[in-house]
Amino acid sequence: MQQNGSSGSNGSDGCSRDRQSLSFSPLPAATTRVRRFIQERRTLPLPRVMVVFSAAGDTEKPGDAMSSSDSAEDEFRKPASPAPNFTLSKPLRSALSTQEQEFPEVISLNVGGTYFTTRLSTLRRFEDTMLAAMFSGRHYIPRDAEGRYFIDRDGTYFGDILNFLREGELPHRDRVRAVHREAQYYSIGPLLDSLEDTQPLTGEKVRQAFLDLLPYYKENLERIVEIAKLRAMQKKARFAKLKICVYKEEMPITPYERPLFNSLRFERSDSEAKLFEHHCEVDVSFGPWEAVADVYDLLHCIVSDLAERGITAEQQCIGVCDKHLINHYYCKRPIYEFKITWW
């Protein structure tokens, strides 16, 4: 009986030992980490899942998963790197600031050292102008020491620009050309259209239409200036003289031909036309052209264009070209002497 009892007690002891061996206890490493997080008052990290793709037939060792988990926790415990400190460059800061730039209702301007005061609405009157774009708030405008908005342009005729923007007033005739150049600079289309319909710009458009009929008119003007300058320098003289041929007819016409034709224009065959081709012995030739304007109109254009460059020119007719062409035909183109005075 005692043996049975002893055997029974031994059996119960064996069962208790088995239960103790089957009971679970936390892992020492995990417990240490949990306590450390509690002491540091940090939140427990969320579990991370790592997906590993491996080739067929490869097996993952248990230790690899544990090492992956430890490295992830170590990565989590590392202090976060500070965010990069982005600083805007000066041009970028100025560009961003000008996008939101606002202007007062009354604007003080410094145009090349001349001061003006006007309203913002006056400068913005026409949208497609340089002034409207400048004061739209999208562009940077420098200021002088007194805080005036600075425009690096001669301000002599800027008052005429403002007068047109205010009430459509046009400048006096003697200022039209200069104001027209300023209107081109500031891209004020309505002012350009208004000025081109007034004198002297209207007359200039008509004159230019006539000069467009002449071949090499601008090139011939350049030749006159260059030849006159070269001759004056060679002779050390105050002036220089040139011979210039100015003719309107397409072909030479002698007094014998005039009664036979109702107009200056007549037809000849190509072989006959070649017989009349020649170059007069002059420095420069102008012509021919087909228009109502005659030789004296062209002479006036040449003298006025030279005067526009500051060159004084005088002209007089000294005869005609007497070159014989064929039979009783002679050239008879008028020759003019131009006197160019340099000082």
C-alpha atoms as a PDB file:
ATOM      1  CA  MET A   1       0.000   0.000   0.000  1.00  0.00           C
ATOM      2  CA  GLN A   2       2.818   2.285   0.896  1.00  0.00           C
ATOM      3  CA  GLN A   3       4.425   1.500  -2.350  1.00  0.00           C
ATOM      4  CA  ASN A   4       1.275   2.491  -4.166  1.00  0.00           C
ATOM      5  CA  GLY A   5       1.076   5.691  -2.144  1.00  0.00           C
ATOM      6  CA  SER A   6       4.635   6.518  -2.772  1.00  0.00           C
ATOM      7  CA  SER A   7       4.219   5.746  -6.364  1.00  0.00           C
ATOM      8  CA  GLY A   8       1.157   7.976  -6.471  1.00  0.00           C
ATOM      9  CA  SER A   9       2.972  10.887  -4.868  1.00  0.00           C
ATOM     10  CA  ASN A  10       5.814  10.407  -7.240  1.00  0.00           C
ATOM     11  CA  GLY A  11       3.385  10.441 -10.100  1.00  0.00           C
ATOM     12  CA  SER A  12       1.829  13.744  -8.946  1.00  0.00           C
ATOM     13  CA  ASP A  13       5.263  15.258  -8.562  1.00  0.00           C
ATOM     14  CA  GLY A  14       6.130  14.189 -12.075  1.00  0.00           C
ATOM     15  CA  CYS A  15       2.950  15.807 -13.419  1.00  0.00           C
ATOM     16  CA  SER A  16       3.713  19.092 -11.629  1.00  0.00           C
ATOM     17  CA  ARG A  17       7.220  19.077 -13.033  1.00  0.00           C
ATOM     18  CA  ASP A  18       5.753  18.523 -16.477  1.00  0.00           C
ATOM     19  CA  ARG A  19       3.406  21.478 -16.022  1.00  0.00           C
ATOM     20  CA  GLN A  20       6.268  23.664 -14.907  1.00  0.00           C
ATOM     21  CA  SER A  21       8.264  22.670 -17.900  1.00  0.00           C
ATOM     22  CA  LEU A  22       5.296  23.478 -20.169  1.00  0.00           C
ATOM     23  CA  SER A  23       4.663  26.949 -18.683  1.00  0.00           C
ATOM     24  CA  PHE A  24       5.862  29.954 -20.879  1.00  0.00           C
ATOM     25  CA  SER A  25       8.032  32.712 -19.564  1.00  0.00           C
ATOM     26  CA  PRO A  26       9.019  35.928 -21.439  1.00  0.00           C
ATOM     27  CA  LEU A  27      12.343  35.935 -23.171  1.00  0.00           C
ATOM     28  CA  PRO A  28      15.017  37.782 -21.236  1.00  0.00           C
ATOM     29  CA  ALA A  29      16.082  39.934 -24.290  1.00  0.00           C
ATOM     30  CA  ALA A  30      12.527  41.008 -25.050  1.00  0.00           C
ATOM     31  CA  THR A  31      11.886  41.827 -21.370  1.00  0.00           C
ATOM     32  CA  THR A  32      14.992  43.983 -21.271  1.00  0.00           C
ATOM     33  CA  ARG A  33      13.924  45.925 -24.360  1.00  0.00           C
ATOM     34  CA  VAL A  34      10.418  46.511 -22.999  1.00  0.00           C
ATOM     35  CA  ARG A  35      11.758  47.806 -19.701  1.00  0.00           C
ATOM     36  CA  ARG A  36      14.163  50.094 -21.506  1.00  0.00           C
ATOM     37  CA  PHE A  37      11.369  51.614 -23.561  1.00  0.00           C
ATOM     38  CA  ILE A  38       9.265  52.116 -20.398  1.00  0.00           C
ATOM     39  CA  GLN A  39      12.131  53.791 -18.559  1.00  0.00           C
ATOM     40  CA  GLU A  40      12.780  56.091 -21.528  1.00  0.00           C
ATOM     41  CA  ARG A  41       9.021  56.796 -21.786  1.00  0.00           C
ATOM     42  CA  ARG A  42       9.006  55.941 -25.424  1.00  0.00           C
ATOM     43  CA  THR A  43       6.208  54.308 -27.293  1.00  0.00           C
ATOM     44  CA  LEU A  44       6.641  50.730 -28.303  1.00  0.00           C
ATOM     45  CA  PRO A  45       7.514  50.346 -31.959  1.00  0.00           C
ATOM     46  CA  LEU A  46       4.948  48.949 -34.244  1.00  0.00           C
ATOM     47  CA  PRO A  47       5.790  45.557 -35.659  1.00  0.00           C
ATOM     48  CA  ARG A  48       7.336  45.645 -39.050  1.00  0.00           C
ATOM     49  CA  VAL A  49       6.836  43.132 -41.781  1.00  0.00           C
ATOM     50  CA  MET A  50       9.656  42.349 -44.113  1.00  0.00           C
ATOM     51  CA  VAL A  51       8.920  40.524 -47.348  1.00  0.00           C
ATOM     52  CA  VAL A  52      11.861  38.694 -48.843  1.00  0.00           C
ATOM     53  CA  PHE A  53      11.738  37.289 -52.350  1.00  0.00           C
ATOM     54  CA  SER A  54      13.999  34.319 -52.868  1.00  0.00           C
ATOM     55  CA  ALA A  55      14.638  31.998 -55.721  1.00  0.00           C
ATOM     56  CA  ALA A  56      12.996  28.599 -55.860  1.00  0.00           C
ATOM     57  CA  GLY A  57      14.675  26.063 -53.619  1.00  0.00           C
ATOM     58  CA  ASP A  58      16.161  28.667 -51.246  1.00  0.00           C
ATOM     59  CA  THR A  59      15.156  28.319 -47.616  1.00  0.00           C
ATOM     60  CA  GLU A  60      15.268  30.965 -44.965  1.00  0.00           C
ATOM     61  CA  LYS A  61      17.031  30.201 -41.735  1.00  0.00           C
ATOM     62  CA  PRO A  62      15.267  31.096 -38.474  1.00  0.00           C
ATOM     63  CA  GLY A  63      18.179  33.187 -37.366  1.00  0.00           C
ATOM     64  CA  ASP A  64      17.847  35.443 -40.436  1.00  0.00           C
ATOM     65  CA  ALA A  65      14.379  36.569 -39.426  1.00  0.00           C
ATOM     66  CA  MET A  66      15.533  37.389 -35.887  1.00  0.00           C
ATOM     67  CA  SER A  67      18.496  39.376 -37.177  1.00  0.00           C
ATOM     68  CA  SER A  68      16.195  41.274 -39.548  1.00  0.00           C
ATOM     69  CA  SER A  69      13.885  42.153 -36.669  1.00  0.00           C
ATOM     70  CA  ASP A  70      16.792  43.307 -34.485  1.00  0.00           C
ATOM     71  CA  SER A  71      18.230  45.489 -37.271  1.00  0.00           C
ATOM     72  CA  ALA A  72      14.789  47.044 -37.859  1.00  0.00           C
ATOM     73  CA  GLU A  73      14.451  47.875 -34.165  1.00  0.00           C
ATOM     74  CA  ASP A  74      17.962  49.321 -34.110  1.00  0.00           C
ATOM     75  CA  GLU A  75      17.074  51.429 -37.153  1.00  0.00           C
ATOM     76  CA  PHE A  76      13.951  52.652 -35.348  1.00  0.00           C
ATOM     77  CA  ARG A  77      15.937  53.595 -32.252  1.00  0.00           C
ATOM     78  CA  LYS A  78      18.337  55.770 -34.302  1.00  0.00           C
ATOM     79  CA  PRO A  79      17.523  59.451 -33.946  1.00  0.00           C
ATOM     80  CA  ALA A  80      15.866  60.920 -37.007  1.00  0.00           C
ATOM     81  CA  SER A  81      18.176  62.970 -39.162  1.00  0.00           C
ATOM     82  CA  PRO A  82      17.282  66.662 -39.163  1.00  0.00           C
ATOM     83  CA  ALA A  83      15.418  67.999 -42.195  1.00  0.00           C
ATOM     84  CA  PRO A  84      17.630  69.857 -44.637  1.00  0.00           C
ATOM     85  CA  ASN A  85      17.610  73.608 -44.159  1.00  0.00           C
ATOM     86  CA  PHE A  86      16.501  75.064 -47.493  1.00  0.00           C
ATOM     87  CA  THR A  87      17.348  78.740 -47.994  1.00  0.00           C
ATOM     88  CA  LEU A  88      16.076  80.760 -50.958  1.00  0.00           C
ATOM     89  CA  SER A  89      18.603  82.627 -52.994  1.00  0.00           C
ATOM     90  CA  LYS A  90      18.298  86.395 -53.242  1.00  0.00           C
ATOM     91  CA  PRO A  91      16.992  86.467 -56.855  1.00  0.00           C
ATOM     92  CA  LEU A  92      14.393  83.825 -55.991  1.00  0.00           C
ATOM     93  CA  ARG A  93      13.295  85.727 -52.881  1.00  0.00           C
ATOM     94  CA  SER A  94      12.975  88.900 -54.886  1.00  0.00           C
ATOM     95  CA  ALA A  95      11.061  87.085 -57.629  1.00  0.00           C
ATOM     96  CA  LEU A  96       8.605  85.659 -55.098  1.00  0.00           C
ATOM     97  CA  SER A  97       8.208  89.005 -53.413  1.00  0.00           C
ATOM     98  CA  THR A  98       7.545  90.819 -56.687  1.00  0.00           C
ATOM     99  CA  GLN A  99       4.752  88.418 -57.547  1.00  0.00           C
ATOM    100  CA  GLU A 100       2.744  89.889 -54.710  1.00  0.00           C
ATOM    101  CA  GLN A 101       4.049  93.436 -55.039  1.00  0.00           C
ATOM    102  CA  GLU A 102       1.440  96.142 -54.560  1.00  0.00           C
ATOM    103  CA  PHE A 103       1.689  99.781 -55.589  1.00  0.00           C
ATOM    104  CA  PRO A 104       0.184 102.901 -54.056  1.00  0.00           C
ATOM    105  CA  GLU A 105      -2.464 104.844 -55.937  1.00  0.00           C
ATOM    106  CA  VAL A 106      -0.073 107.761 -56.499  1.00  0.00           C
ATOM    107  CA  ILE A 107       3.246 106.844 -58.135  1.00  0.00           C
ATOM    108  CA  SER A 108       6.439 108.914 -57.926  1.00  0.00           C
ATOM    109  CA  LEU A 109       8.789 108.339 -60.862  1.00  0.00           C
ATOM    110  CA  ASN A 110      12.415 109.156 -61.586  1.00  0.00           C
ATOM    111  CA  VAL A 111      12.927 108.974 -65.356  1.00  0.00           C
ATOM    112  CA  GLY A 112      16.601 109.567 -66.051  1.00  0.00           C
ATOM    113  CA  GLY A 113      16.832 112.205 -63.313  1.00  0.00           C
ATOM    114  CA  THR A 114      13.534 113.980 -64.134  1.00  0.00           C
ATOM    115  CA  TYR A 115      10.768 113.543 -61.556  1.00  0.00           C
ATOM    116  CA  PHE A 116       7.123 112.840 -62.368  1.00  0.00           C
ATOM    117  CA  THR A 117       4.037 112.068 -60.287  1.00  0.00           C
ATOM    118  CA  THR A 118       1.005 110.290 -61.695  1.00  0.00           C
ATOM    119  CA  ARG A 119      -1.706 107.822 -60.785  1.00  0.00           C
ATOM    120  CA  LEU A 120      -1.252 104.080 -61.035  1.00  0.00           C
ATOM    121  CA  SER A 121      -4.313 103.823 -63.278  1.00  0.00           C
ATOM    122  CA  THR A 122      -2.674 106.232 -65.756  1.00  0.00           C
ATOM    123  CA  LEU A 123       0.340 103.960 -66.173  1.00  0.00           C
ATOM    124  CA  ARG A 124      -1.957 100.948 -66.583  1.00  0.00           C
ATOM    125  CA  ARG A 125      -4.343 102.596 -69.037  1.00  0.00           C
ATOM    126  CA  PHE A 126      -3.334 100.393 -71.980  1.00  0.00           C
ATOM    127  CA  GLU A 127      -2.582  96.750 -71.150  1.00  0.00           C
ATOM    128  CA  ASP A 128      -0.144  95.925 -73.950  1.00  0.00           C
ATOM    129  CA  THR A 129       2.416  98.578 -73.016  1.00  0.00           C
ATOM    130  CA  MET A 130       5.759  98.478 -71.270  1.00  0.00           C
ATOM    131  CA  LEU A 131       4.553 100.763 -68.457  1.00  0.00           C
ATOM    132  CA  ALA A 132       1.523  98.581 -67.733  1.00  0.00           C
ATOM    133  CA  ALA A 133       3.766  95.514 -67.560  1.00  0.00           C
ATOM    134  CA  MET A 134       6.272  97.258 -65.285  1.00  0.00           C
ATOM    135  CA  PHE A 135       3.590  98.253 -62.784  1.00  0.00           C
ATOM    136  CA  SER A 136       1.590  95.034 -62.956  1.00  0.00           C
ATOM    137  CA  GLY A 137       3.340  93.647 -59.863  1.00  0.00           C
ATOM    138  CA  ARG A 138       5.087  90.853 -61.777  1.00  0.00           C
ATOM    139  CA  HIS A 139       8.425  92.629 -62.241  1.00  0.00           C
ATOM    140  CA  TYR A 140      11.017  94.173 -59.983  1.00  0.00           C
ATOM    141  CA  ILE A 141      11.408  97.951 -60.323  1.00  0.00           C
ATOM    142  CA  PRO A 142      14.431  99.614 -58.687  1.00  0.00           C
ATOM    143  CA  ARG A 143      14.030 102.743 -56.570  1.00  0.00           C
ATOM    144  CA  ASP A 144      16.237 105.748 -56.014  1.00  0.00           C
ATOM    145  CA  ALA A 145      17.388 107.056 -52.636  1.00  0.00           C
ATOM    146  CA  GLU A 146      14.079 108.929 -52.152  1.00  0.00           C
ATOM    147  CA  GLY A 147      11.961 105.863 -52.872  1.00  0.00           C
ATOM    148  CA  ARG A 148      10.879 106.902 -56.376  1.00  0.00           C
ATOM    149  CA  TYR A 149      10.523 104.179 -59.002  1.00  0.00           C
ATOM    150  CA  PHE A 150      13.442 104.532 -61.385  1.00  0.00           C
ATOM    151  CA  ILE A 151      13.306 104.212 -65.199  1.00  0.00           C
ATOM    152  CA  ASP A 152      16.683 104.399 -66.948  1.00  0.00           C
ATOM    153  CA  ARG A 153      15.532 106.529 -69.882  1.00  0.00           C
ATOM    154  CA  ASP A 154      15.843 110.180 -70.918  1.00  0.00           C
ATOM    155  CA  GLY A 155      12.871 111.950 -69.352  1.00  0.00           C
ATOM    156  CA  THR A 156      12.754 114.929 -71.741  1.00  0.00           C
ATOM    157  CA  TYR A 157       9.667 113.669 -73.564  1.00  0.00           C
ATOM    158  CA  PHE A 158       8.166 111.474 -70.837  1.00  0.00           C
ATOM    159  CA  GLY A 159       5.756 114.281 -69.942  1.00  0.00           C
ATOM    160  CA  ASP A 160       4.260 114.006 -73.447  1.00  0.00           C
ATOM    161  CA  ILE A 161       3.820 110.276 -72.874  1.00  0.00           C
ATOM    162  CA  LEU A 162       1.937 110.925 -69.605  1.00  0.00           C
ATOM    163  CA  ASN A 163      -0.241 113.618 -71.203  1.00  0.00           C
ATOM    164  CA  PHE A 164      -1.404 111.154 -73.833  1.00  0.00           C
ATOM    165  CA  LEU A 165      -2.077 108.454 -71.225  1.00  0.00           C
ATOM    166  CA  ARG A 166      -4.065 110.927 -69.115  1.00  0.00           C
ATOM    167  CA  GLU A 167      -6.300 112.559 -71.702  1.00  0.00           C
ATOM    168  CA  GLY A 168      -5.105 111.595 -75.195  1.00  0.00           C
ATOM    169  CA  GLU A 169      -3.200 114.847 -75.778  1.00  0.00           C
ATOM    170  CA  LEU A 170      -0.739 114.838 -78.686  1.00  0.00           C
ATOM    171  CA  PRO A 171       2.561 116.763 -78.683  1.00  0.00           C
ATOM    172  CA  HIS A 172       3.370 119.840 -80.720  1.00  0.00           C
ATOM    173  CA  ARG A 173       4.529 119.264 -84.280  1.00  0.00           C
ATOM    174  CA  ASP A 174       8.191 119.963 -83.563  1.00  0.00           C
ATOM    175  CA  ARG A 175       8.176 117.229 -80.880  1.00  0.00           C
ATOM    176  CA  VAL A 176       6.296 114.579 -82.867  1.00  0.00           C
ATOM    177  CA  ARG A 177       9.351 112.675 -84.126  1.00  0.00           C
ATOM    178  CA  ALA A 178      11.018 112.521 -80.712  1.00  0.00           C
ATOM    179  CA  VAL A 179       7.805 111.477 -78.943  1.00  0.00           C
ATOM    180  CA  HIS A 180       7.270 108.841 -81.633  1.00  0.00           C
ATOM    181  CA  ARG A 181      10.647 107.289 -80.731  1.00  0.00           C
ATOM    182  CA  GLU A 182       9.666 107.267 -77.037  1.00  0.00           C
ATOM    183  CA  ALA A 183       6.315 105.688 -77.870  1.00  0.00           C
ATOM    184  CA  GLN A 184       8.164 102.934 -79.720  1.00  0.00           C
ATOM    185  CA  TYR A 185      10.363 102.321 -76.664  1.00  0.00           C
ATOM    186  CA  TYR A 186       7.381 102.109 -74.288  1.00  0.00           C
ATOM    187  CA  SER A 187       5.326 100.125 -76.863  1.00  0.00           C
ATOM    188  CA  ILE A 188       2.297 102.429 -76.704  1.00  0.00           C
ATOM    189  CA  GLY A 189       0.389 101.361 -79.815  1.00  0.00           C
ATOM    190  CA  PRO A 190      -2.485 103.907 -79.664  1.00  0.00           C
ATOM    191  CA  LEU A 191      -0.006 106.782 -79.406  1.00  0.00           C
ATOM    192  CA  LEU A 192       2.013 105.434 -82.349  1.00  0.00           C
ATOM    193  CA  ASP A 193      -1.118 105.215 -84.495  1.00  0.00           C
ATOM    194  CA  SER A 194      -2.151 108.764 -83.590  1.00  0.00           C
ATOM    195  CA  LEU A 195       1.292 110.233 -84.279  1.00  0.00           C
ATOM    196  CA  GLU A 196       1.628 108.497 -87.633  1.00  0.00           C
ATOM    197  CA  ASP A 197      -1.589 110.201 -88.779  1.00  0.00           C
ATOM    198  CA  THR A 198      -0.219 113.680 -88.058  1.00  0.00           C
ATOM    199  CA  GLN A 199       2.445 115.819 -89.660  1.00  0.00           C
ATOM    200  CA  PRO A 200       5.303 115.444 -90.226  1.00  0.00           C
ATOM    201  CA  LEU A 201       5.018 111.657 -89.972  1.00  0.00           C
ATOM    202  CA  THR A 202       2.182 111.467 -92.496  1.00  0.00           C
ATOM    203  CA  GLY A 203       4.309 113.320 -95.045  1.00  0.00           C
ATOM    204  CA  GLU A 204       7.212 111.035 -94.206  1.00  0.00           C
ATOM    205  CA  LYS A 205       5.093 107.991 -95.057  1.00  0.00           C
ATOM    206  CA  VAL A 206       4.193 109.492 -98.445  1.00  0.00           C
ATOM    207  CA  ARG A 207       7.830 110.424 -99.116  1.00  0.00           C
ATOM    208  CA  GLN A 208       8.997 106.935 -98.169  1.00  0.00           C
ATOM    209  CA  ALA A 209       6.490 105.398-100.567  1.00  0.00           C
ATOM    210  CA  PHE A 210       8.153 107.392-103.342  1.00  0.00           C
ATOM    211  CA  LEU A 211      11.691 106.490-102.250  1.00  0.00           C
ATOM    212  CA  ASP A 212      10.791 102.800-102.204  1.00  0.00           C
ATOM    213  CA  LEU A 213      10.481 103.020-105.983  1.00  0.00           C
ATOM    214  CA  LEU A 214      14.161 103.936-106.313  1.00  0.00           C
ATOM    215  CA  PRO A 215      16.657 101.089-106.384  1.00  0.00           C
ATOM    216  CA  TYR A 216      19.566 101.385-103.967  1.00  0.00           C
ATOM    217  CA  TYR A 217      18.554 104.803-102.609  1.00  0.00           C
ATOM    218  CA  LYS A 218      20.022 104.223 -99.127  1.00  0.00           C
ATOM    219  CA  GLU A 219      23.149 102.609-100.556  1.00  0.00           C
ATOM    220  CA  ASN A 220      23.704 105.606-102.844  1.00  0.00           C
ATOM    221  CA  LEU A 221      23.405 107.982 -99.894  1.00  0.00           C
ATOM    222  CA  GLU A 222      26.133 106.032 -98.123  1.00  0.00           C
ATOM    223  CA  ARG A 223      28.339 106.244-101.226  1.00  0.00           C
ATOM    224  CA  ILE A 224      27.896 110.037-101.371  1.00  0.00           C
ATOM    225  CA  VAL A 225      29.041 110.412 -97.767  1.00  0.00           C
ATOM    226  CA  GLU A 226      32.006 108.054 -98.114  1.00  0.00           C
ATOM    227  CA  ILE A 227      33.282 109.568-101.375  1.00  0.00           C
ATOM    228  CA  ALA A 228      32.922 113.132-100.078  1.00  0.00           C
ATOM    229  CA  LYS A 229      34.736 112.289 -96.854  1.00  0.00           C
ATOM    230  CA  LEU A 230      37.577 110.523 -98.687  1.00  0.00           C
ATOM    231  CA  ARG A 231      38.123 113.389-101.122  1.00  0.00           C
ATOM    232  CA  ALA A 232      38.067 116.030 -98.382  1.00  0.00           C
ATOM    233  CA  MET A 233      40.635 114.098 -96.347  1.00  0.00           C
ATOM    234  CA  GLN A 234      42.895 113.517 -99.347  1.00  0.00           C
ATOM    235  CA  LYS A 235      42.891 117.216-100.324  1.00  0.00           C
ATOM    236  CA  LYS A 236      42.764 118.475 -96.728  1.00  0.00           C
ATOM    237  CA  ALA A 237      39.820 120.587 -97.863  1.00  0.00           C
ATOM    238  CA  ARG A 238      36.782 122.016 -96.079  1.00  0.00           C
ATOM    239  CA  PHE A 239      34.394 120.663 -98.709  1.00  0.00           C
ATOM    240  CA  ALA A 240      34.230 118.082-101.496  1.00  0.00           C
ATOM    241  CA  LYS A 241      32.423 118.028-104.843  1.00  0.00           C
ATOM    242  CA  LEU A 242      30.705 115.085-106.503  1.00  0.00           C
ATOM    243  CA  LYS A 243      28.950 114.516-109.826  1.00  0.00           C
ATOM    244  CA  ILE A 244      25.560 112.851-109.469  1.00  0.00           C
ATOM    245  CA  CYS A 245      23.219 111.783-112.247  1.00  0.00           C
ATOM    246  CA  VAL A 246      19.494 111.952-111.489  1.00  0.00           C
ATOM    247  CA  TYR A 247      17.159 110.737-114.241  1.00  0.00           C
ATOM    248  CA  LYS A 248      13.522 109.678-114.265  1.00  0.00           C
ATOM    249  CA  GLU A 249      13.091 108.150-117.723  1.00  0.00           C
ATOM    250  CA  GLU A 250      13.495 104.432-118.151  1.00  0.00           C
ATOM    251  CA  MET A 251      15.444 104.974-121.394  1.00  0.00           C
ATOM    252  CA  PRO A 252      17.134 108.005-122.911  1.00  0.00           C
ATOM    253  CA  ILE A 253      14.863 110.193-124.980  1.00  0.00           C
ATOM    254  CA  THR A 254      16.234 112.726-127.414  1.00  0.00           C
ATOM    255  CA  PRO A 255      14.312 115.723-128.670  1.00  0.00           C
ATOM    256  CA  TYR A 256      13.735 113.799-131.921  1.00  0.00           C
ATOM    257  CA  GLU A 257      11.812 111.083-130.037  1.00  0.00           C
ATOM    258  CA  ARG A 258       9.540 113.164-127.815  1.00  0.00           C
ATOM    259  CA  PRO A 259       6.932 114.111-130.442  1.00  0.00           C
ATOM    260  CA  LEU A 260       6.565 110.469-131.406  1.00  0.00           C
ATOM    261  CA  PHE A 261       5.350 109.274-127.998  1.00  0.00           C
ATOM    262  CA  ASN A 262       2.466 110.459-125.837  1.00  0.00           C
ATOM    263  CA  SER A 263       4.283 109.445-122.646  1.00  0.00           C
ATOM    264  CA  LEU A 264       7.806 108.943-121.429  1.00  0.00           C
ATOM    265  CA  ARG A 265       7.393 105.188-121.504  1.00  0.00           C
ATOM    266  CA  PHE A 266       7.880 103.351-124.762  1.00  0.00           C
ATOM    267  CA  GLU A 267       8.760  99.850-125.912  1.00  0.00           C
ATOM    268  CA  ARG A 268      11.896  98.703-127.655  1.00  0.00           C
ATOM    269  CA  SER A 269      13.134  95.266-128.540  1.00  0.00           C
ATOM    270  CA  ASP A 270      15.751  93.601-126.370  1.00  0.00           C
ATOM    271  CA  SER A 271      18.462  94.102-128.982  1.00  0.00           C
ATOM    272  CA  GLU A 272      17.641  97.801-129.246  1.00  0.00           C
ATOM    273  CA  ALA A 273      17.460  98.186-125.469  1.00  0.00           C
ATOM    274  CA  LYS A 274      21.006  96.837-125.089  1.00  0.00           C
ATOM    275  CA  LEU A 275      22.262  99.566-127.405  1.00  0.00           C
ATOM    276  CA  PHE A 276      21.035 102.184-124.923  1.00  0.00           C
ATOM    277  CA  GLU A 277      22.515 100.544-121.821  1.00  0.00           C
ATOM    278  CA  HIS A 278      25.364 102.598-120.419  1.00  0.00           C
ATOM    279  CA  HIS A 279      26.700 104.223-117.271  1.00  0.00           C
ATOM    280  CA  CYS A 280      27.225 107.938-117.105  1.00  0.00           C
ATOM    281  CA  GLU A 281      30.667 109.105-116.000  1.00  0.00           C
ATOM    282  CA  VAL A 282      29.540 110.269-112.570  1.00  0.00           C
ATOM    283  CA  ASP A 283      30.115 109.255-108.951  1.00  0.00           C
ATOM    284  CA  VAL A 284      26.557 108.155-108.161  1.00  0.00           C
ATOM    285  CA  SER A 285      23.390 107.648-110.247  1.00  0.00           C
ATOM    286  CA  PHE A 286      19.742 107.745-109.114  1.00  0.00           C
ATOM    287  CA  GLY A 287      16.984 106.371-111.338  1.00  0.00           C
ATOM    288  CA  PRO A 288      14.932 105.476-113.118  1.00  0.00           C
ATOM    289  CA  TRP A 289      11.470 105.483-111.475  1.00  0.00           C
ATOM    290  CA  GLU A 290       7.814 105.680-112.445  1.00  0.00           C
ATOM    291  CA  ALA A 291       5.899 108.245-110.376  1.00  0.00           C
ATOM    292  CA  VAL A 292       4.477 111.730-110.548  1.00  0.00           C
ATOM    293  CA  ALA A 293       7.380 113.037-108.435  1.00  0.00           C
ATOM    294  CA  ASP A 294      10.085 114.455-110.683  1.00  0.00           C
ATOM    295  CA  VAL A 295      13.857 115.004-110.522  1.00  0.00           C
ATOM    296  CA  TYR A 296      13.618 118.060-108.290  1.00  0.00           C
ATOM    297  CA  ASP A 297      11.594 116.118-105.728  1.00  0.00           C
ATOM    298  CA  LEU A 298      14.319 113.497-105.543  1.00  0.00           C
ATOM    299  CA  LEU A 299      17.007 116.178-105.214  1.00  0.00           C
ATOM    300  CA  HIS A 300      15.092 117.635-102.268  1.00  0.00           C
ATOM    301  CA  CYS A 301      14.988 114.180-100.632  1.00  0.00           C
ATOM    302  CA  ILE A 302      18.747 113.716-101.033  1.00  0.00           C
ATOM    303  CA  VAL A 303      19.604 117.113 -99.542  1.00  0.00           C
ATOM    304  CA  SER A 304      17.154 116.735 -96.619  1.00  0.00           C
ATOM    305  CA  ASP A 305      18.361 113.211 -95.773  1.00  0.00           C
ATOM    306  CA  LEU A 306      21.963 114.414 -95.727  1.00  0.00           C
ATOM    307  CA  ALA A 307      20.937 117.342 -93.503  1.00  0.00           C
ATOM    308  CA  GLU A 308      19.285 114.828 -91.137  1.00  0.00           C
ATOM    309  CA  ARG A 309      22.771 113.401 -90.633  1.00  0.00           C
ATOM    310  CA  GLY A 310      24.216 116.845 -89.994  1.00  0.00           C
ATOM    311  CA  ILE A 311      25.817 117.127 -93.447  1.00  0.00           C
ATOM    312  CA  THR A 312      25.410 120.362 -95.389  1.00  0.00           C
ATOM    313  CA  ALA A 313      24.864 119.777 -99.116  1.00  0.00           C
ATOM    314  CA  GLU A 314      24.299 122.161-102.031  1.00  0.00           C
ATOM    315  CA  GLN A 315      23.474 121.116-105.568  1.00  0.00           C
ATOM    316  CA  GLN A 316      23.262 122.663-109.025  1.00  0.00           C
ATOM    317  CA  CYS A 317      22.823 121.331-112.538  1.00  0.00           C
ATOM    318  CA  ILE A 318      26.042 121.532-114.570  1.00  0.00           C
ATOM    319  CA  GLY A 319      24.792 119.991-117.816  1.00  0.00           C
ATOM    320  CA  VAL A 320      23.764 116.665-119.308  1.00  0.00           C
ATOM    321  CA  CYS A 321      25.498 113.472-120.271  1.00  0.00           C
ATOM    322  CA  ASP A 322      26.554 113.835-123.930  1.00  0.00           C
ATOM    323  CA  LYS A 323      27.535 110.235-124.432  1.00  0.00           C
ATOM    324  CA  HIS A 324      26.732 109.058-127.965  1.00  0.00           C
ATOM    325  CA  LEU A 325      24.732 105.848-128.070  1.00  0.00           C
ATOM    326  CA  ILE A 326      23.766 105.029-131.679  1.00  0.00           C
ATOM    327  CA  ASN A 327      23.039 107.018-134.789  1.00  0.00           C
ATOM    328  CA  HIS A 328      21.675 110.371-133.633  1.00  0.00           C
ATOM    329  CA  TYR A 329      20.831 109.159-130.100  1.00  0.00           C
ATOM    330  CA  TYR A 330      22.623 110.712-127.135  1.00  0.00           C
ATOM    331  CA  CYS A 331      22.175 110.114-123.416  1.00  0.00           C
ATOM    332  CA  LYS A 332      21.055 113.599-122.312  1.00  0.00           C
ATOM    333  CA  ARG A 333      20.667 112.630-118.645  1.00  0.00           C
ATOM    334  CA  PRO A 334      21.040 115.650-116.301  1.00  0.00           C
ATOM    335  CA  ILE A 335      24.226 115.893-114.228  1.00  0.00           C
ATOM    336  CA  TYR A 336      24.252 117.678-110.876  1.00  0.00           C
ATOM    337  CA  GLU A 337      27.206 118.847-108.866  1.00  0.00           C
ATOM    338  CA  PHE A 338      26.891 118.290-105.120  1.00  0.00           C
ATOM    339  CA  LYS A 339      29.037 120.334-102.767  1.00  0.00           C
ATOM    340  CA  ILE A 340      29.422 118.645 -99.363  1.00  0.00           C
ATOM    341  CA  THR A 341      30.695 120.989 -96.627  1.00  0.00           C
ATOM    342  CA  TRP A 342      32.255 119.334 -93.589  1.00  0.00           C
ATOM    343  CA  TRP A 343      32.910 122.339 -91.348  1.00  0.00           C
END
